[in-house]
Amino acid sequence: MTNHAWAQDPNSVIAPLTPHSTSPASILTLSGAIKRTLANNPQLATYTFQQQALDGERTTAQLDPQSSISIEIENVLGTGERSGVKGAELTLALSSVLELGGKKDARNALISQKRQLLAAQKQLSRLIYWPTLRVAT
């Protein structure tokens, strides 16, 4: 066997570049390596973005329905008796949706269920990915 790291068996352990460093921060344990591998896995990183999307959905679900205002002008610039703005009619309308039946609570409950499902899917993905991690001997 040669002394080149690139020519070694892929299952062998390669010594760190600074073998004399024994501080606790520089020692990589098996559990630490697994945690770092799972934390930096691109497939598992998608769950972070999905979680952020659900956070946005939760923010939207907690909003009350939007109110609106409208103004309508009729019979402006008519002829004869109604010429100019003499016969103008102005209508001002305020409107809002009244939610009944706990719709806001139902939206929030749905988001909570989606969050729980996402957490379960992430855990399942971690468990599926787990066997692909091989321990160097």
Protein backbone atom coordinates (compact mmCIF):
# COMPACT_ATOMS: atom_id res chain seq x y z
CA MET A 1 0.00 0.00 0.00
CA THR A 2 1.29 3.46 -0.86
CA ASN A 3 1.48 6.45 1.47
CA HIS A 4 -0.68 8.66 -0.73
CA ALA A 5 -4.09 9.49 0.73
CA TRP A 6 -5.73 9.31 -2.69
CA ALA A 7 -4.43 5.79 -3.25
CA GLN A 8 -5.63 4.36 0.05
CA ASP A 9 -8.58 2.10 0.60
CA PRO A 10 -11.70 4.35 0.79
CA ASN A 11 -12.76 2.59 4.00
CA SER A 12 -9.54 3.40 5.83
CA VAL A 13 -9.20 6.28 8.24
CA ILE A 14 -7.05 9.17 7.07
CA ALA A 15 -5.20 11.01 9.81
CA PRO A 16 -5.89 14.74 10.17
CA LEU A 17 -3.42 17.19 8.69
CA THR A 18 -2.35 18.32 12.16
CA PRO A 19 -1.82 15.06 14.08
CA HIS A 20 -0.39 16.82 17.16
CA SER A 21 -3.56 18.82 17.77
CA THR A 22 -5.50 17.06 20.53
CA SER A 23 -7.76 19.84 21.74
CA PRO A 24 -11.38 18.74 22.22
CA ALA A 25 -12.51 21.11 19.46
CA SER A 26 -10.30 19.41 16.88
CA ILE A 27 -11.29 15.81 17.70
CA LEU A 28 -14.07 14.51 15.48
CA THR A 29 -16.11 11.76 17.08
CA LEU A 30 -18.30 9.30 15.22
CA SER A 31 -21.49 10.89 16.53
CA GLY A 32 -20.14 14.35 15.63
CA ALA A 33 -19.31 13.19 12.12
CA ILE A 34 -22.77 11.70 11.67
CA LYS A 35 -24.43 14.88 12.95
CA ARG A 36 -22.34 17.02 10.58
CA THR A 37 -23.09 14.71 7.66
CA LEU A 38 -26.83 14.82 8.31
CA ALA A 39 -26.76 18.59 8.87
CA ASN A 40 -24.99 19.18 5.52
CA ASN A 41 -26.96 16.67 3.44
CA PRO A 42 -28.45 18.43 0.38
CA GLN A 43 -31.51 16.14 0.34
CA LEU A 44 -32.27 17.00 3.96
CA ALA A 45 -31.63 20.71 3.35
CA THR A 46 -34.83 20.94 1.32
CA TYR A 47 -36.80 20.48 4.53
CA THR A 48 -35.44 23.79 5.81
CA PHE A 49 -36.94 25.58 2.81
CA GLN A 50 -40.22 23.71 3.18
CA GLN A 51 -40.29 24.72 6.86
CA GLN A 52 -39.78 28.36 5.87
CA ALA A 53 -42.65 28.08 3.38
CA LEU A 54 -44.89 26.70 6.13
CA ASP A 55 -43.85 29.59 8.39
CA GLY A 56 -45.07 31.96 5.66
CA GLU A 57 -48.32 30.02 5.31
CA ARG A 58 -48.83 30.24 9.08
CA THR A 59 -48.32 34.01 8.99
CA THR A 60 -50.86 34.30 6.18
CA ALA A 61 -53.34 31.96 7.91
CA GLN A 62 -53.32 34.12 11.03
CA LEU A 63 -54.34 37.24 9.12
CA ASP A 64 -57.89 38.49 9.28
CA PRO A 65 -59.74 38.89 5.98
CA GLN A 66 -58.90 42.09 4.18
CA SER A 67 -61.33 45.00 4.38
CA SER A 68 -61.98 47.11 1.33
CA ILE A 69 -63.40 50.51 0.52
CA SER A 70 -64.94 51.60 -2.74
CA ILE A 71 -66.26 54.89 -4.06
CA GLU A 72 -68.70 55.13 -6.95
CA ILE A 73 -69.83 58.33 -8.63
CA GLU A 74 -72.87 58.33 -10.92
CA ASN A 75 -74.71 60.90 -13.01
CA VAL A 76 -71.76 63.20 -13.46
CA LEU A 77 -71.59 65.56 -16.45
CA GLY A 78 -75.13 64.88 -17.53
CA THR A 79 -77.31 67.14 -19.70
CA GLY A 80 -80.22 69.41 -19.01
CA GLU A 81 -81.33 69.44 -15.41
CA ARG A 82 -78.54 67.08 -14.49
CA SER A 83 -75.72 68.98 -16.17
CA GLY A 84 -72.38 69.32 -14.43
CA VAL A 85 -72.28 67.83 -10.96
CA LYS A 86 -75.77 68.95 -9.86
CA GLY A 87 -77.27 65.48 -10.14
CA ALA A 88 -74.17 63.53 -9.15
CA GLU A 89 -74.56 60.63 -6.77
CA LEU A 90 -71.71 59.44 -4.59
CA THR A 91 -71.70 55.96 -3.04
CA LEU A 92 -69.15 54.97 -0.43
CA ALA A 93 -68.96 51.28 0.47
CA LEU A 94 -66.96 49.52 3.15
CA SER A 95 -66.82 45.74 3.05
CA SER A 96 -65.15 42.86 4.81
CA VAL A 97 -65.59 39.11 4.96
CA LEU A 98 -67.01 37.81 8.21
CA GLU A 99 -65.53 34.41 8.91
CA LEU A 100 -67.86 32.04 10.70
CA GLY A 101 -67.42 28.50 11.91
CA GLY A 102 -63.84 28.77 13.16
CA LYS A 103 -62.24 29.05 9.72
CA LYS A 104 -59.20 30.87 11.08
CA ASP A 105 -58.65 28.17 13.71
CA ALA A 106 -59.11 25.51 11.02
CA ARG A 107 -56.45 27.18 8.83
CA ASN A 108 -54.03 27.30 11.77
CA ALA A 109 -54.76 23.65 12.62
CA LEU A 110 -54.07 22.67 9.01
CA ILE A 111 -50.70 24.44 9.09
CA SER A 112 -49.86 22.67 12.36
CA GLN A 113 -50.70 19.32 10.74
CA LYS A 114 -48.52 20.18 7.74
CA ARG A 115 -45.65 21.08 10.09
CA GLN A 116 -46.00 17.76 11.93
CA LEU A 117 -46.09 15.87 8.63
CA LEU A 118 -42.98 17.69 7.42
CA ALA A 119 -41.15 16.85 10.66
CA ALA A 120 -42.11 13.17 10.26
CA GLN A 121 -40.98 13.17 6.61
CA LYS A 122 -37.67 14.74 7.60
CA GLN A 123 -37.13 12.12 10.31
CA LEU A 124 -38.01 9.36 7.85
CA SER A 125 -35.53 10.76 5.33
CA ARG A 126 -32.86 10.86 8.01
CA LEU A 127 -33.57 7.21 8.87
CA ILE A 128 -33.51 6.23 5.20
CA TYR A 129 -30.22 8.10 4.71
CA TRP A 130 -28.70 6.64 7.92
CA PRO A 131 -27.72 3.19 6.45
CA THR A 132 -25.77 4.89 3.66
CA LEU A 133 -23.35 6.29 6.23
CA ARG A 134 -20.47 3.86 6.50
CA VAL A 135 -18.16 3.81 9.46
CA ALA A 136 -14.48 3.65 8.52
CA THR A 137 -12.68 0.79 10.20
